[in-house]
Structure formats: structure tokens, C-alpha cells
Amino acid sequence: MTLAIHALSRWAIPLMLLGITAWGLSNKVPIYERFVEGAKDGWQTAVRLLPYLVGMLVAIQVFQHTGALQHLIRLLAPLTGKIGFPPEVLPLVLVRPISGSGSLALLAQVFESYGPDSLVGRLAAVIMGSTETSLYVLTVYAGSVGLRRTRHTLATALLTDLAAALVSLYVVLRFFA
């Protein structure tokens, strides 16, 4: 069974591309021309997104390198400690909405320090799987369509991430503590 799944996963994308090409040829679709049109649209979207992505990346670096992240963790630790939230996971909760790669590095750091089967490791893993890189997603989606006013989208996304972190704490404490 494992060999079959491995073979299927290895051939899934090439077979899908072959199937799409066969379907296009059978329906007399100009495949190459459509591919080039799509590539042009993709390039234009990337060019439109670039200023938003650069701005977000600069903001992330400023947030991390100025010590603002560590200061925010020191401010929140007493409050989160009252509900049983381990302070070791706070950096992950704060970085996850901003940066996927940064939060992945923090998850690896938690695993290395505490182990993946520890309470802290399990909580970090559940938070990582339950939350989203909200600011990145908002930047990409709003930037790709040229949306200037996002109204309550940012607040809603951040509140959703907070709710996911709190529910993660409840689930991990309920099932693994």
C-alpha cells in the first residue's frame, strides 16, 4: 500500500499535466497560446504585488530586529500565564500572522528545545496548523486585486488567529495534559 501511494504521489502532477494537455488537444484548444496568456497575466499580477510584499517584508524585519517582538512578549507573558498559556509559545503566536517561514523557524526551535511530544511542542504544533499567515495573505489578496481599503478584514483575521491559539490551548490541555 505504501509503495502504491508513493508511486501515485510521484506521478500525480505529471499525469495531471498530461491529462489537461490531452483534454485541450481533444477540444482543439490552442494550448501553447493559452499558456503564454496565463504567464503574461501571472507576470502582471507579480509586478502589482511586489510593492506590497516588499513593504510587508520590511515591516516584519523592523518588528523583529528592533526588539519590538521581545518587548511585546514581555508585556503579554503575565497575562497569558494566568490562563496557562506557556510563554515559550508566545513568539510563535505573534510571528505566525506575519511570517510563515519565521513561524516555521520558531516551531523548529520549540521542538529542539522542548521536544515535539512535550506540552509546549504539542501546543506549538497545533497553533501552527490552526492559524494562518494573515498579514501575508491579506497583502497578497488585497494587492492582487488592487484593494486599498480592507475595512475590518485585518482585525477579523487577527482575532481569528487569536481564537485559534486559545482553542489550541484548550484542545492540547484537554487531550494531552
C-alpha atoms as a PDB file:
ATOM      1  CA  MET A   1       0.000   0.000   0.000  1.00  0.00           C
ATOM      2  CA  THR A   2       2.821   2.407   0.879  1.00  0.00           C
ATOM      3  CA  LEU A   3       4.530   1.728  -2.445  1.00  0.00           C
ATOM      4  CA  ALA A   4       1.304   2.442  -4.320  1.00  0.00           C
ATOM      5  CA  ILE A   5       0.818   5.760  -2.503  1.00  0.00           C
ATOM      6  CA  HIS A   6       4.450   6.685  -3.130  1.00  0.00           C
ATOM      7  CA  ALA A   7       4.122   5.882  -6.843  1.00  0.00           C
ATOM      8  CA  LEU A   8       0.837   7.782  -7.088  1.00  0.00           C
ATOM      9  CA  SER A   9       2.325  10.846  -5.388  1.00  0.00           C
ATOM     10  CA  ARG A  10       5.336  10.748  -7.703  1.00  0.00           C
ATOM     11  CA  TRP A  11       3.187  10.586 -10.859  1.00  0.00           C
ATOM     12  CA  ALA A  12       0.195  12.726  -9.787  1.00  0.00           C
ATOM     13  CA  ILE A  13       1.371  16.061 -11.197  1.00  0.00           C
ATOM     14  CA  PRO A  14       2.830  14.720 -14.469  1.00  0.00           C
ATOM     15  CA  LEU A  15      -0.366  12.736 -15.078  1.00  0.00           C
ATOM     16  CA  MET A  16      -2.499  15.763 -14.311  1.00  0.00           C
ATOM     17  CA  LEU A  17      -0.496  17.892 -16.769  1.00  0.00           C
ATOM     18  CA  LEU A  18      -0.735  15.175 -19.390  1.00  0.00           C
ATOM     19  CA  GLY A  19      -4.500  14.908 -18.812  1.00  0.00           C
ATOM     20  CA  ILE A  20      -5.010  18.662 -19.153  1.00  0.00           C
ATOM     21  CA  THR A  21      -2.948  18.695 -22.344  1.00  0.00           C
ATOM     22  CA  ALA A  22      -4.880  15.740 -23.782  1.00  0.00           C
ATOM     23  CA  TRP A  23      -8.192  17.402 -22.923  1.00  0.00           C
ATOM     24  CA  GLY A  24      -7.053  20.655 -24.569  1.00  0.00           C
ATOM     25  CA  LEU A  25      -5.921  18.893 -27.708  1.00  0.00           C
ATOM     26  CA  SER A  26      -9.153  16.906 -27.960  1.00  0.00           C
ATOM     27  CA  ASN A  27     -11.152  20.153 -27.712  1.00  0.00           C
ATOM     28  CA  LYS A  28      -8.900  21.959 -30.195  1.00  0.00           C
ATOM     29  CA  VAL A  29      -7.730  24.494 -27.605  1.00  0.00           C
ATOM     30  CA  PRO A  30      -4.562  26.385 -28.606  1.00  0.00           C
ATOM     31  CA  ILE A  31      -2.602  25.117 -25.592  1.00  0.00           C
ATOM     32  CA  TYR A  32       0.662  26.991 -26.050  1.00  0.00           C
ATOM     33  CA  GLU A  33      -1.067  30.306 -26.752  1.00  0.00           C
ATOM     34  CA  ARG A  34      -3.254  29.911 -23.636  1.00  0.00           C
ATOM     35  CA  PHE A  35      -0.175  29.063 -21.580  1.00  0.00           C
ATOM     36  CA  VAL A  36       1.581  32.226 -22.782  1.00  0.00           C
ATOM     37  CA  GLU A  37      -1.523  34.330 -21.989  1.00  0.00           C
ATOM     38  CA  GLY A  38      -1.612  32.872 -18.488  1.00  0.00           C
ATOM     39  CA  ALA A  39       2.088  33.521 -17.995  1.00  0.00           C
ATOM     40  CA  LYS A  40       1.592  37.171 -19.034  1.00  0.00           C
ATOM     41  CA  ASP A  41      -1.272  37.551 -16.558  1.00  0.00           C
ATOM     42  CA  GLY A  42       0.834  35.922 -13.841  1.00  0.00           C
ATOM     43  CA  TRP A  43       3.721  38.267 -14.510  1.00  0.00           C
ATOM     44  CA  GLN A  44       1.447  41.314 -14.331  1.00  0.00           C
ATOM     45  CA  THR A  45      -0.001  40.078 -11.043  1.00  0.00           C
ATOM     46  CA  ALA A  46       3.503  39.560  -9.633  1.00  0.00           C
ATOM     47  CA  VAL A  47       4.521  43.083 -10.647  1.00  0.00           C
ATOM     48  CA  ARG A  48       1.369  44.505  -8.995  1.00  0.00           C
ATOM     49  CA  LEU A  49       2.094  42.552  -5.784  1.00  0.00           C
ATOM     50  CA  LEU A  50       5.761  43.414  -5.484  1.00  0.00           C
ATOM     51  CA  PRO A  51       5.434  46.776  -3.654  1.00  0.00           C
ATOM     52  CA  TYR A  52       3.012  45.270  -1.122  1.00  0.00           C
ATOM     53  CA  LEU A  53       5.276  42.292  -0.464  1.00  0.00           C
ATOM     54  CA  VAL A  54       8.385  44.440  -0.088  1.00  0.00           C
ATOM     55  CA  GLY A  55       6.571  46.729   2.346  1.00  0.00           C
ATOM     56  CA  MET A  56       5.359  43.781   4.397  1.00  0.00           C
ATOM     57  CA  LEU A  57       8.803  42.154   4.487  1.00  0.00           C
ATOM     58  CA  VAL A  58      10.422  45.403   5.622  1.00  0.00           C
ATOM     59  CA  ALA A  59       7.803  45.765   8.366  1.00  0.00           C
ATOM     60  CA  ILE A  60       8.468  42.196   9.548  1.00  0.00           C
ATOM     61  CA  GLN A  61      12.196  42.818   9.742  1.00  0.00           C
ATOM     62  CA  VAL A  62      11.704  46.083  11.635  1.00  0.00           C
ATOM     63  CA  PHE A  63       9.324  44.348  14.075  1.00  0.00           C
ATOM     64  CA  GLN A  64      11.804  41.556  14.788  1.00  0.00           C
ATOM     65  CA  HIS A  65      15.130  43.400  14.744  1.00  0.00           C
ATOM     66  CA  THR A  66      14.148  46.445  16.791  1.00  0.00           C
ATOM     67  CA  GLY A  67      13.243  44.268  19.755  1.00  0.00           C
ATOM     68  CA  ALA A  68       9.549  45.124  19.482  1.00  0.00           C
ATOM     69  CA  LEU A  69       8.675  41.417  19.359  1.00  0.00           C
ATOM     70  CA  GLN A  70      10.590  40.655  22.569  1.00  0.00           C
ATOM     71  CA  HIS A  71       9.083  43.696  24.287  1.00  0.00           C
ATOM     72  CA  LEU A  72       5.572  42.601  23.301  1.00  0.00           C
ATOM     73  CA  ILE A  73       6.261  39.088  24.615  1.00  0.00           C
ATOM     74  CA  ARG A  74       7.414  40.519  27.974  1.00  0.00           C
ATOM     75  CA  LEU A  75       4.218  42.586  28.181  1.00  0.00           C
ATOM     76  CA  LEU A  76       1.910  39.680  27.315  1.00  0.00           C
ATOM     77  CA  ALA A  77       3.589  36.910  29.353  1.00  0.00           C
ATOM     78  CA  PRO A  78       1.977  37.790  32.714  1.00  0.00           C
ATOM     79  CA  LEU A  79      -1.489  37.969  31.139  1.00  0.00           C
ATOM     80  CA  THR A  80      -1.158  34.743  29.163  1.00  0.00           C
ATOM     81  CA  GLY A  81       0.396  32.998  32.165  1.00  0.00           C
ATOM     82  CA  LYS A  82      -2.860  33.497  34.075  1.00  0.00           C
ATOM     83  CA  ILE A  83      -4.732  31.318  31.587  1.00  0.00           C
ATOM     84  CA  GLY A  84      -1.986  28.704  31.474  1.00  0.00           C
ATOM     85  CA  PHE A  85      -0.534  29.713  28.137  1.00  0.00           C
ATOM     86  CA  PRO A  86       3.175  28.847  28.073  1.00  0.00           C
ATOM     87  CA  PRO A  87       5.345  31.913  27.387  1.00  0.00           C
ATOM     88  CA  GLU A  88       7.622  29.754  25.218  1.00  0.00           C
ATOM     89  CA  VAL A  89       4.886  29.643  22.559  1.00  0.00           C
ATOM     90  CA  LEU A  90       4.143  33.390  22.536  1.00  0.00           C
ATOM     91  CA  PRO A  91       6.763  34.208  19.865  1.00  0.00           C
ATOM     92  CA  LEU A  92       5.098  31.692  17.543  1.00  0.00           C
ATOM     93  CA  VAL A  93       1.647  33.173  18.175  1.00  0.00           C
ATOM     94  CA  LEU A  94       2.905  36.681  17.456  1.00  0.00           C
ATOM     95  CA  VAL A  95       5.011  35.849  14.387  1.00  0.00           C
ATOM     96  CA  ARG A  96       2.620  33.370  12.736  1.00  0.00           C
ATOM     97  CA  PRO A  97       0.208  36.024  11.342  1.00  0.00           C
ATOM     98  CA  ILE A  98       3.181  37.884   9.889  1.00  0.00           C
ATOM     99  CA  SER A  99       5.563  35.276   8.502  1.00  0.00           C
ATOM    100  CA  GLY A 100       5.211  31.626   7.554  1.00  0.00           C
ATOM    101  CA  SER A 101       8.932  30.964   7.344  1.00  0.00           C
ATOM    102  CA  GLY A 102       9.608  32.864  10.571  1.00  0.00           C
ATOM    103  CA  SER A 103       6.956  30.891  12.411  1.00  0.00           C
ATOM    104  CA  LEU A 104       8.286  27.623  10.972  1.00  0.00           C
ATOM    105  CA  ALA A 105      11.736  28.504  12.322  1.00  0.00           C
ATOM    106  CA  LEU A 106      10.203  29.232  15.726  1.00  0.00           C
ATOM    107  CA  LEU A 107       8.348  25.902  15.646  1.00  0.00           C
ATOM    108  CA  ALA A 108      11.616  24.102  14.911  1.00  0.00           C
ATOM    109  CA  GLN A 109      13.224  25.985  17.794  1.00  0.00           C
ATOM    110  CA  VAL A 110      10.431  24.906  20.159  1.00  0.00           C
ATOM    111  CA  PHE A 111      10.790  21.294  19.017  1.00  0.00           C
ATOM    112  CA  GLU A 112      14.541  21.417  19.517  1.00  0.00           C
ATOM    113  CA  SER A 113      14.285  22.979  22.976  1.00  0.00           C
ATOM    114  CA  TYR A 114      11.269  21.152  24.420  1.00  0.00           C
ATOM    115  CA  GLY A 115      10.620  18.228  22.073  1.00  0.00           C
ATOM    116  CA  PRO A 116       7.601  17.681  19.818  1.00  0.00           C
ATOM    117  CA  ASP A 117       5.825  15.484  22.391  1.00  0.00           C
ATOM    118  CA  SER A 118       6.057  17.989  25.231  1.00  0.00           C
ATOM    119  CA  LEU A 119       3.074  20.141  26.160  1.00  0.00           C
ATOM    120  CA  VAL A 120       4.834  23.186  24.678  1.00  0.00           C
ATOM    121  CA  GLY A 121       5.749  21.271  21.497  1.00  0.00           C
ATOM    122  CA  ARG A 122       2.239  19.955  21.002  1.00  0.00           C
ATOM    123  CA  LEU A 123       0.709  23.365  21.605  1.00  0.00           C
ATOM    124  CA  ALA A 124       3.115  24.955  19.123  1.00  0.00           C
ATOM    125  CA  ALA A 125       2.287  22.293  16.525  1.00  0.00           C
ATOM    126  CA  VAL A 126      -1.467  22.729  16.938  1.00  0.00           C
ATOM    127  CA  ILE A 127      -1.153  26.518  16.756  1.00  0.00           C
ATOM    128  CA  MET A 128       0.977  26.231  13.632  1.00  0.00           C
ATOM    129  CA  GLY A 129      -1.674  24.080  11.980  1.00  0.00           C
ATOM    130  CA  SER A 130      -4.635  26.130  13.207  1.00  0.00           C
ATOM    131  CA  THR A 131      -3.542  29.642  12.344  1.00  0.00           C
ATOM    132  CA  GLU A 132      -2.706  31.446   9.140  1.00  0.00           C
ATOM    133  CA  THR A 133      -0.169  33.971   7.923  1.00  0.00           C
ATOM    134  CA  SER A 134      -2.959  36.523   7.950  1.00  0.00           C
ATOM    135  CA  LEU A 135      -0.968  39.644   7.105  1.00  0.00           C
ATOM    136  CA  TYR A 136       0.797  37.903   4.232  1.00  0.00           C
ATOM    137  CA  VAL A 137      -2.474  36.535   2.845  1.00  0.00           C
ATOM    138  CA  LEU A 138      -4.179  39.892   3.209  1.00  0.00           C
ATOM    139  CA  THR A 139      -1.259  41.599   1.471  1.00  0.00           C
ATOM    140  CA  VAL A 140      -1.301  39.163  -1.432  1.00  0.00           C
ATOM    141  CA  TYR A 141      -5.071  39.075  -1.901  1.00  0.00           C
ATOM    142  CA  ALA A 142      -5.675  42.792  -1.459  1.00  0.00           C
ATOM    143  CA  GLY A 143      -2.630  43.642  -3.552  1.00  0.00           C
ATOM    144  CA  SER A 144      -3.539  41.293  -6.381  1.00  0.00           C
ATOM    145  CA  VAL A 145      -6.905  42.943  -6.940  1.00  0.00           C
ATOM    146  CA  GLY A 146      -5.750  46.464  -6.091  1.00  0.00           C
ATOM    147  CA  LEU A 147      -7.898  46.710  -2.972  1.00  0.00           C
ATOM    148  CA  ARG A 148      -6.956  49.811  -0.989  1.00  0.00           C
ATOM    149  CA  ARG A 149      -9.436  49.730   1.890  1.00  0.00           C
ATOM    150  CA  THR A 150      -9.704  46.450   3.729  1.00  0.00           C
ATOM    151  CA  ARG A 151     -12.100  47.757   6.391  1.00  0.00           C
ATOM    152  CA  HIS A 152     -12.400  45.157   9.132  1.00  0.00           C
ATOM    153  CA  THR A 153     -10.535  42.386   7.349  1.00  0.00           C
ATOM    154  CA  LEU A 154      -7.272  42.784   9.262  1.00  0.00           C
ATOM    155  CA  ALA A 155      -8.956  42.928  12.669  1.00  0.00           C
ATOM    156  CA  THR A 156     -11.095  39.910  11.821  1.00  0.00           C
ATOM    157  CA  ALA A 157      -8.098  37.916  10.605  1.00  0.00           C
ATOM    158  CA  LEU A 158      -6.064  38.718  13.718  1.00  0.00           C
ATOM    159  CA  LEU A 159      -8.981  37.921  16.022  1.00  0.00           C
ATOM    160  CA  THR A 160      -9.395  34.611  14.218  1.00  0.00           C
ATOM    161  CA  ASP A 161      -5.726  33.825  14.815  1.00  0.00           C
ATOM    162  CA  LEU A 162      -6.134  34.713  18.499  1.00  0.00           C
ATOM    163  CA  ALA A 163      -9.209  32.494  18.766  1.00  0.00           C
ATOM    164  CA  ALA A 164      -7.333  29.650  17.067  1.00  0.00           C
ATOM    165  CA  ALA A 165      -4.462  29.990  19.549  1.00  0.00           C
ATOM    166  CA  LEU A 166      -6.854  29.932  22.519  1.00  0.00           C
ATOM    167  CA  VAL A 167      -8.785  26.948  21.153  1.00  0.00           C
ATOM    168  CA  SER A 168      -5.455  25.222  20.511  1.00  0.00           C
ATOM    169  CA  LEU A 169      -4.538  25.740  24.169  1.00  0.00           C
ATOM    170  CA  TYR A 170      -7.874  24.287  25.259  1.00  0.00           C
ATOM    171  CA  VAL A 171      -7.565  21.241  22.958  1.00  0.00           C
ATOM    172  CA  VAL A 172      -3.975  20.488  23.948  1.00  0.00           C
ATOM    173  CA  LEU A 173      -4.707  20.861  27.665  1.00  0.00           C
ATOM    174  CA  ARG A 174      -7.871  18.777  27.335  1.00  0.00           C
ATOM    175  CA  PHE A 175      -6.365  15.895  25.387  1.00  0.00           C
ATOM    176  CA  PHE A 176      -2.653  15.897  26.218  1.00  0.00           C
ATOM    177  CA  ALA A 177      -2.217  17.324  29.725  1.00  0.00           C
END
